[in-house]
């Protein structure tokens, strides 16, 4: 749509609600684990999922770059600027 490539190995996770806010992920740790297994290098998660990641193993945390976004436009900019 913007005719720009995104960074390889990037996964953007999150759902947009009707009101425009980003929905909470029910299992952020599981999502990160699957992303690592599939070869992702960076994952963008909603900031509301940050507290769930305390349960992420040290091995998984060192194998992926986790970044957070507060709104969908923030995620888009981070995906394009990387």
PDB file of N, CA and C in Angstrom:
ATOM      1  N   UNK A   1       0.820  -1.184   0.000  1.00  0.00           N
ATOM      2  CA  UNK A   1       0.000   0.000   0.000  1.00  0.00           C
ATOM      3  C   UNK A   1       0.870   1.257   0.000  1.00  0.00           C
ATOM      4  N   UNK A   2       1.916   1.264   0.766  1.00  0.00           N
ATOM      5  CA  UNK A   2       2.798   2.424   0.819  1.00  0.00           C
ATOM      6  C   UNK A   2       3.983   2.266  -0.126  1.00  0.00           C
ATOM      7  N   UNK A   3       4.031   1.122  -0.809  1.00  0.00           N
ATOM      8  CA  UNK A   3       5.108   0.807  -1.741  1.00  0.00           C
ATOM      9  C   UNK A   3       6.475   0.859  -1.082  1.00  0.00           C
ATOM     10  N   UNK A   4       6.534   0.394   0.165  1.00  0.00           N
ATOM     11  CA  UNK A   4       7.789   0.322   0.903  1.00  0.00           C
ATOM     12  C   UNK A   4       7.916  -1.081   1.474  1.00  0.00           C
ATOM     13  N   UNK A   5       9.134  -1.580   1.492  1.00  0.00           N
ATOM     14  CA  UNK A   5       9.389  -2.888   2.070  1.00  0.00           C
ATOM     15  C   UNK A   5       9.553  -2.769   3.580  1.00  0.00           C
ATOM     16  N   UNK A   6       9.150  -3.827   4.251  1.00  0.00           N
ATOM     17  CA  UNK A   6       9.374  -3.899   5.682  1.00  0.00           C
ATOM     18  C   UNK A   6      10.648  -4.685   5.929  1.00  0.00           C
ATOM     19  N   UNK A   7      11.182  -4.522   7.100  1.00  0.00           N
ATOM     20  CA  UNK A   7      12.388  -5.224   7.499  1.00  0.00           C
ATOM     21  C   UNK A   7      12.123  -6.729   7.513  1.00  0.00           C
ATOM     22  N   UNK A   8      13.052  -7.530   6.994  1.00  0.00           N
ATOM     23  CA  UNK A   8      12.914  -8.975   7.011  1.00  0.00           C
ATOM     24  C   UNK A   8      12.970  -9.513   8.424  1.00  0.00           C
ATOM     25  N   UNK A   9      12.219 -10.565   8.695  1.00  0.00           N
ATOM     26  CA  UNK A   9      12.208 -11.176  10.016  1.00  0.00           C
ATOM     27  C   UNK A   9      11.398 -10.413  11.036  1.00  0.00           C
ATOM     28  N   UNK A  10      10.537  -9.507  10.574  1.00  0.00           N
ATOM     29  CA  UNK A  10       9.720  -8.678  11.468  1.00  0.00           C
ATOM     30  C   UNK A  10       8.308  -9.237  11.553  1.00  0.00           C
ATOM     31  N   UNK A  11       7.790  -9.321  12.768  1.00  0.00           N
ATOM     32  CA  UNK A  11       6.400  -9.721  12.991  1.00  0.00           C
ATOM     33  C   UNK A  11       5.728  -8.613  13.791  1.00  0.00           C
ATOM     34  N   UNK A  12       4.562  -8.180  13.332  1.00  0.00           N
ATOM     35  CA  UNK A  12       3.766  -7.187  14.049  1.00  0.00           C
ATOM     36  C   UNK A  12       2.525  -7.895  14.560  1.00  0.00           C
ATOM     37  N   UNK A  13       2.287  -7.832  15.859  1.00  0.00           N
ATOM     38  CA  UNK A  13       1.182  -8.543  16.488  1.00  0.00           C
ATOM     39  C   UNK A  13       0.264  -7.553  17.173  1.00  0.00           C
ATOM     40  N   UNK A  14      -1.042  -7.798  17.084  1.00  0.00           N
ATOM     41  CA  UNK A  14      -2.021  -6.971  17.776  1.00  0.00           C
ATOM     42  C   UNK A  14      -3.270  -6.813  16.952  1.00  0.00           C
ATOM     43  N   UNK A  15      -4.357  -6.567  17.626  1.00  0.00           N
ATOM     44  CA  UNK A  15      -5.647  -6.379  16.967  1.00  0.00           C
ATOM     45  C   UNK A  15      -6.203  -5.003  17.309  1.00  0.00           C
ATOM     46  N   UNK A  16      -6.783  -4.376  16.323  1.00  0.00           N
ATOM     47  CA  UNK A  16      -7.366  -3.046  16.491  1.00  0.00           C
ATOM     48  C   UNK A  16      -8.841  -3.182  16.844  1.00  0.00           C
ATOM     49  N   UNK A  17      -9.277  -2.519  17.929  1.00  0.00           N
ATOM     50  CA  UNK A  17     -10.688  -2.511  18.325  1.00  0.00           C
ATOM     51  C   UNK A  17     -11.463  -1.483  17.520  1.00  0.00           C
ATOM     52  N   UNK A  18     -12.779  -1.566  17.559  1.00  0.00           N
ATOM     53  CA  UNK A  18     -13.630  -0.609  16.848  1.00  0.00           C
ATOM     54  C   UNK A  18     -13.372   0.828  17.294  1.00  0.00           C
ATOM     55  N   UNK A  19     -13.042   1.014  18.556  1.00  0.00           N
ATOM     56  CA  UNK A  19     -12.789   2.354  19.082  1.00  0.00           C
ATOM     57  C   UNK A  19     -11.435   2.912  18.696  1.00  0.00           C
ATOM     58  N   UNK A  20     -10.594   2.089  18.053  1.00  0.00           N
ATOM     59  CA  UNK A  20      -9.285   2.556  17.626  1.00  0.00           C
ATOM     60  C   UNK A  20      -8.147   2.175  18.561  1.00  0.00           C
ATOM     61  N   UNK A  21      -8.477   1.516  19.675  1.00  0.00           N
ATOM     62  CA  UNK A  21      -7.415   1.096  20.590  1.00  0.00           C
ATOM     63  C   UNK A  21      -6.924  -0.303  20.214  1.00  0.00           C
ATOM     64  N   UNK A  22      -5.766  -0.653  20.724  1.00  0.00           N
ATOM     65  CA  UNK A  22      -5.170  -1.950  20.439  1.00  0.00           C
ATOM     66  C   UNK A  22      -5.583  -2.929  21.526  1.00  0.00           C
ATOM     67  N   UNK A  23      -6.067  -4.113  21.123  1.00  0.00           N
ATOM     68  CA  UNK A  23      -6.546  -5.113  22.070  1.00  0.00           C
ATOM     69  C   UNK A  23      -5.393  -5.811  22.779  1.00  0.00           C
ATOM     70  N   UNK A  24      -5.628  -6.251  23.991  1.00  0.00           N
ATOM     71  CA  UNK A  24      -4.654  -6.993  24.782  1.00  0.00           C
ATOM     72  C   UNK A  24      -4.481  -8.390  24.194  1.00  0.00           C
ATOM     73  N   UNK A  25      -3.250  -8.845  24.101  1.00  0.00           N
ATOM     74  CA  UNK A  25      -2.978 -10.204  23.630  1.00  0.00           C
ATOM     75  C   UNK A  25      -3.245 -11.180  24.767  1.00  0.00           C
ATOM     76  N   UNK A  26      -3.981 -12.261  24.504  1.00  0.00           N
ATOM     77  CA  UNK A  26      -4.260 -13.204  25.585  1.00  0.00           C
ATOM     78  C   UNK A  26      -3.040 -14.029  26.001  1.00  0.00           C
ATOM     79  N   UNK A  27      -2.079 -14.268  25.095  1.00  0.00           N
ATOM     80  CA  UNK A  27      -0.918 -15.107  25.404  1.00  0.00           C
ATOM     81  C   UNK A  27       0.316 -14.562  24.687  1.00  0.00           C
ATOM     82  N   UNK A  28       0.859 -13.480  25.187  1.00  0.00           N
ATOM     83  CA  UNK A  28       2.005 -12.834  24.536  1.00  0.00           C
ATOM     84  C   UNK A  28       3.243 -13.723  24.551  1.00  0.00           C
ATOM     85  N   UNK A  29       3.452 -14.475  25.614  1.00  0.00           N
ATOM     86  CA  UNK A  29       4.617 -15.352  25.701  1.00  0.00           C
ATOM     87  C   UNK A  29       4.554 -16.421  24.617  1.00  0.00           C
ATOM     88  N   UNK A  30       3.393 -17.013  24.423  1.00  0.00           N
ATOM     89  CA  UNK A  30       3.224 -18.015  23.374  1.00  0.00           C
ATOM     90  C   UNK A  30       3.458 -17.445  21.993  1.00  0.00           C
ATOM     91  N   UNK A  31       3.012 -16.234  21.761  1.00  0.00           N
ATOM     92  CA  UNK A  31       3.210 -15.578  20.465  1.00  0.00           C
ATOM     93  C   UNK A  31       4.694 -15.348  20.199  1.00  0.00           C
ATOM     94  N   UNK A  32       5.424 -14.896  21.210  1.00  0.00           N
ATOM     95  CA  UNK A  32       6.863 -14.659  21.056  1.00  0.00           C
ATOM     96  C   UNK A  32       7.590 -15.980  20.798  1.00  0.00           C
ATOM     97  N   UNK A  33       7.218 -17.028  21.507  1.00  0.00           N
ATOM     98  CA  UNK A  33       7.853 -18.329  21.314  1.00  0.00           C
ATOM     99  C   UNK A  33       7.643 -18.853  19.896  1.00  0.00           C
ATOM    100  N   UNK A  34       6.439 -18.715  19.377  1.00  0.00           N
ATOM    101  CA  UNK A  34       6.165 -19.150  18.001  1.00  0.00           C
ATOM    102  C   UNK A  34       6.940 -18.295  17.006  1.00  0.00           C
ATOM    103  N   UNK A  35       7.029 -17.004  17.267  1.00  0.00           N
ATOM    104  CA  UNK A  35       7.778 -16.111  16.381  1.00  0.00           C
ATOM    105  C   UNK A  35       9.247 -16.525  16.302  1.00  0.00           C
ATOM    106  N   UNK A  36       9.843 -16.877  17.433  1.00  0.00           N
ATOM    107  CA  UNK A  36      11.239 -17.312  17.454  1.00  0.00           C
ATOM    108  C   UNK A  36      11.385 -18.627  16.684  1.00  0.00           C
ATOM    109  N   UNK A  37      10.461 -19.546  16.904  1.00  0.00           N
ATOM    110  CA  UNK A  37      10.503 -20.833  16.203  1.00  0.00           C
ATOM    111  C   UNK A  37      10.393 -20.662  14.691  1.00  0.00           C
ATOM    112  N   UNK A  38       9.670 -19.660  14.252  1.00  0.00           N
ATOM    113  CA  UNK A  38       9.477 -19.418  12.821  1.00  0.00           C
ATOM    114  C   UNK A  38      10.582 -18.564  12.217  1.00  0.00           C
ATOM    115  N   UNK A  39      11.560 -18.151  13.019  1.00  0.00           N
ATOM    116  CA  UNK A  39      12.716 -17.435  12.498  1.00  0.00           C
ATOM    117  C   UNK A  39      12.645 -15.927  12.547  1.00  0.00           C
ATOM    118  N   UNK A  40      11.728 -15.381  13.313  1.00  0.00           N
ATOM    119  CA  UNK A  40      11.630 -13.924  13.426  1.00  0.00           C
ATOM    120  C   UNK A  40      12.825 -13.363  14.188  1.00  0.00           C
ATOM    121  N   UNK A  41      13.243 -12.173  13.812  1.00  0.00           N
ATOM    122  CA  UNK A  41      14.330 -11.483  14.496  1.00  0.00           C
ATOM    123  C   UNK A  41      13.806 -10.359  15.383  1.00  0.00           C
ATOM    124  N   UNK A  42      12.693  -9.771  14.989  1.00  0.00           N
ATOM    125  CA  UNK A  42      12.089  -8.651  15.728  1.00  0.00           C
ATOM    126  C   UNK A  42      10.586  -8.860  15.783  1.00  0.00           C
ATOM    127  N   UNK A  43       9.995  -8.535  16.921  1.00  0.00           N
ATOM    128  CA  UNK A  43       8.545  -8.594  17.060  1.00  0.00           C
ATOM    129  C   UNK A  43       8.059  -7.283  17.669  1.00  0.00           C
ATOM    130  N   UNK A  44       6.999  -6.749  17.097  1.00  0.00           N
ATOM    131  CA  UNK A  44       6.357  -5.543  17.617  1.00  0.00           C
ATOM    132  C   UNK A  44       5.084  -5.970  18.348  1.00  0.00           C
ATOM    133  N   UNK A  45       4.999  -5.647  19.626  1.00  0.00           N
ATOM    134  CA  UNK A  45       3.855  -6.024  20.449  1.00  0.00           C
ATOM    135  C   UNK A  45       3.187  -4.783  21.027  1.00  0.00           C
ATOM    136  N   UNK A  46       1.888  -4.873  21.323  1.00  0.00           N
ATOM    137  CA  UNK A  46       1.231  -3.755  22.007  1.00  0.00           C
ATOM    138  C   UNK A  46       1.836  -3.570  23.395  1.00  0.00           C
ATOM    139  N   UNK A  47       1.965  -2.356  23.831  1.00  0.00           N
ATOM    140  CA  UNK A  47       2.555  -2.046  25.135  1.00  0.00           C
ATOM    141  C   UNK A  47       1.751  -2.691  26.271  1.00  0.00           C
ATOM    142  N   UNK A  48       0.477  -2.926  26.057  1.00  0.00           N
ATOM    143  CA  UNK A  48      -0.358  -3.547  27.088  1.00  0.00           C
ATOM    144  C   UNK A  48       0.055  -4.991  27.371  1.00  0.00           C
ATOM    145  N   UNK A  49       0.863  -5.600  26.508  1.00  0.00           N
ATOM    146  CA  UNK A  49       1.317  -6.981  26.698  1.00  0.00           C
ATOM    147  C   UNK A  49       2.659  -7.062  27.415  1.00  0.00           C
ATOM    148  N   UNK A  50       3.223  -5.928  27.766  1.00  0.00           N
ATOM    149  CA  UNK A  50       4.559  -5.878  28.355  1.00  0.00           C
ATOM    150  C   UNK A  50       4.678  -6.698  29.639  1.00  0.00           C
ATOM    151  N   UNK A  51       3.709  -6.606  30.520  1.00  0.00           N
ATOM    152  CA  UNK A  51       3.793  -7.291  31.814  1.00  0.00           C
ATOM    153  C   UNK A  51       3.764  -8.811  31.664  1.00  0.00           C
ATOM    154  N   UNK A  52       3.132  -9.317  30.627  1.00  0.00           N
ATOM    155  CA  UNK A  52       3.076 -10.762  30.403  1.00  0.00           C
ATOM    156  C   UNK A  52       4.452 -11.341  30.095  1.00  0.00           C
ATOM    157  N   UNK A  53       5.339 -10.533  29.562  1.00  0.00           N
ATOM    158  CA  UNK A  53       6.626 -11.036  29.105  1.00  0.00           C
ATOM    159  C   UNK A  53       7.609 -11.334  30.238  1.00  0.00           C
ATOM    160  N   UNK A  54       7.235 -11.041  31.491  1.00  0.00           N
ATOM    161  CA  UNK A  54       8.083 -11.422  32.611  1.00  0.00           C
ATOM    162  C   UNK A  54       8.201 -12.940  32.699  1.00  0.00           C
ATOM    163  N   UNK A  55       7.235 -13.654  32.136  1.00  0.00           N
ATOM    164  CA  UNK A  55       7.232 -15.114  32.155  1.00  0.00           C
ATOM    165  C   UNK A  55       8.027 -15.714  30.988  1.00  0.00           C
ATOM    166  N   UNK A  56       8.545 -14.886  30.108  1.00  0.00           N
ATOM    167  CA  UNK A  56       9.321 -15.359  28.965  1.00  0.00           C
ATOM    168  C   UNK A  56      10.680 -15.864  29.443  1.00  0.00           C
ATOM    169  N   UNK A  57      11.088 -17.027  28.931  1.00  0.00           N
ATOM    170  CA  UNK A  57      12.367 -17.607  29.365  1.00  0.00           C
ATOM    171  C   UNK A  57      13.523 -16.720  28.908  1.00  0.00           C
ATOM    172  N   UNK A  58      14.631 -16.818  29.622  1.00  0.00           N
ATOM    173  CA  UNK A  58      15.820 -16.035  29.289  1.00  0.00           C
ATOM    174  C   UNK A  58      16.325 -16.382  27.893  1.00  0.00           C
ATOM    175  N   UNK A  59      16.269 -17.654  27.527  1.00  0.00           N
ATOM    176  CA  UNK A  59      16.725 -18.086  26.206  1.00  0.00           C
ATOM    177  C   UNK A  59      15.915 -17.413  25.101  1.00  0.00           C
ATOM    178  N   UNK A  60      14.606 -17.407  25.253  1.00  0.00           N
ATOM    179  CA  UNK A  60      13.747 -16.781  24.242  1.00  0.00           C
ATOM    180  C   UNK A  60      13.978 -15.269  24.194  1.00  0.00           C
ATOM    181  N   UNK A  61      14.161 -14.658  25.341  1.00  0.00           N
ATOM    182  CA  UNK A  61      14.337 -13.206  25.392  1.00  0.00           C
ATOM    183  C   UNK A  61      15.627 -12.765  24.708  1.00  0.00           C
ATOM    184  N   UNK A  62      16.641 -13.633  24.701  1.00  0.00           N
ATOM    185  CA  UNK A  62      17.900 -13.269  24.050  1.00  0.00           C
ATOM    186  C   UNK A  62      17.907 -13.571  22.563  1.00  0.00           C
ATOM    187  N   UNK A  63      16.935 -14.321  22.089  1.00  0.00           N
ATOM    188  CA  UNK A  63      16.912 -14.713  20.676  1.00  0.00           C
ATOM    189  C   UNK A  63      16.078 -13.797  19.797  1.00  0.00           C
ATOM    190  N   UNK A  64      15.372 -12.832  20.391  1.00  0.00           N
ATOM    191  CA  UNK A  64      14.499 -11.954  19.598  1.00  0.00           C
ATOM    192  C   UNK A  64      14.531 -10.539  20.170  1.00  0.00           C
ATOM    193  N   UNK A  65      14.404  -9.564  19.278  1.00  0.00           N
ATOM    194  CA  UNK A  65      14.333  -8.161  19.666  1.00  0.00           C
ATOM    195  C   UNK A  65      12.858  -7.802  19.839  1.00  0.00           C
ATOM    196  N   UNK A  66      12.459  -7.468  21.049  1.00  0.00           N
ATOM    197  CA  UNK A  66      11.057  -7.138  21.334  1.00  0.00           C
ATOM    198  C   UNK A  66      10.919  -5.630  21.418  1.00  0.00           C
ATOM    199  N   UNK A  67      10.015  -5.091  20.598  1.00  0.00           N
ATOM    200  CA  UNK A  67       9.704  -3.662  20.626  1.00  0.00           C
ATOM    201  C   UNK A  67       8.214  -3.508  20.889  1.00  0.00           C
ATOM    202  N   UNK A  68       7.845  -2.375  21.436  1.00  0.00           N
ATOM    203  CA  UNK A  68       6.452  -2.137  21.794  1.00  0.00           C
ATOM    204  C   UNK A  68       5.911  -0.921  21.056  1.00  0.00           C
ATOM    205  N   UNK A  69       4.592  -0.940  20.839  1.00  0.00           N
ATOM    206  CA  UNK A  69       3.906   0.204  20.240  1.00  0.00           C
ATOM    207  C   UNK A  69       2.646   0.500  21.035  1.00  0.00           C
ATOM    208  N   UNK A  70       2.232   1.758  20.994  1.00  0.00           N
ATOM    209  CA  UNK A  70       1.054   2.163  21.758  1.00  0.00           C
ATOM    210  C   UNK A  70      -0.197   2.308  20.895  1.00  0.00           C
ATOM    211  N   UNK A  71       0.003   2.514  19.611  1.00  0.00           N
ATOM    212  CA  UNK A  71      -1.135   2.643  18.687  1.00  0.00           C
ATOM    213  C   UNK A  71      -0.704   2.125  17.313  1.00  0.00           C
ATOM    214  N   UNK A  72      -1.654   1.801  16.453  1.00  0.00           N
ATOM    215  CA  UNK A  72      -1.314   1.213  15.152  1.00  0.00           C
ATOM    216  C   UNK A  72      -0.378   2.071  14.301  1.00  0.00           C
ATOM    217  N   UNK A  73      -0.529   3.383  14.330  1.00  0.00           N
ATOM    218  CA  UNK A  73       0.361   4.229  13.525  1.00  0.00           C
ATOM    219  C   UNK A  73       1.795   4.161  14.046  1.00  0.00           C
ATOM    220  N   UNK A  74       1.944   4.014  15.354  1.00  0.00           N
ATOM    221  CA  UNK A  74       3.264   3.849  15.953  1.00  0.00           C
ATOM    222  C   UNK A  74       3.906   2.547  15.465  1.00  0.00           C
ATOM    223  N   UNK A  75       3.121   1.476  15.384  1.00  0.00           N
ATOM    224  CA  UNK A  75       3.640   0.195  14.876  1.00  0.00           C
ATOM    225  C   UNK A  75       4.055   0.304  13.415  1.00  0.00           C
ATOM    226  N   UNK A  76       3.262   1.007  12.630  1.00  0.00           N
ATOM    227  CA  UNK A  76       3.590   1.180  11.219  1.00  0.00           C
ATOM    228  C   UNK A  76       4.902   1.949  11.043  1.00  0.00           C
ATOM    229  N   UNK A  77       5.039   3.018  11.786  1.00  0.00           N
ATOM    230  CA  UNK A  77       6.273   3.812  11.686  1.00  0.00           C
ATOM    231  C   UNK A  77       7.497   3.011  12.126  1.00  0.00           C
ATOM    232  N   UNK A  78       7.375   2.248  13.195  1.00  0.00           N
ATOM    233  CA  UNK A  78       8.498   1.442  13.650  1.00  0.00           C
ATOM    234  C   UNK A  78       8.847   0.352  12.645  1.00  0.00           C
ATOM    235  N   UNK A  79       7.835  -0.210  11.986  1.00  0.00           N
ATOM    236  CA  UNK A  79       8.083  -1.248  10.982  1.00  0.00           C
ATOM    237  C   UNK A  79       8.746  -0.679   9.750  1.00  0.00           C
ATOM    238  N   UNK A  80       8.410   0.530   9.373  1.00  0.00           N
ATOM    239  CA  UNK A  80       8.979   1.141   8.179  1.00  0.00           C
ATOM    240  C   UNK A  80      10.360   1.741   8.418  1.00  0.00           C
ATOM    241  N   UNK A  81      10.604   2.265   9.601  1.00  0.00           N
ATOM    242  CA  UNK A  81      11.845   2.963   9.878  1.00  0.00           C
ATOM    243  C   UNK A  81      13.000   2.049  10.254  1.00  0.00           C
ATOM    244  N   UNK A  82      12.707   0.839  10.622  1.00  0.00           N
ATOM    245  CA  UNK A  82      13.780  -0.091  11.024  1.00  0.00           C
ATOM    246  C   UNK A  82      14.643  -0.451   9.856  1.00  0.00           C
TER     247      UNK A  82
END
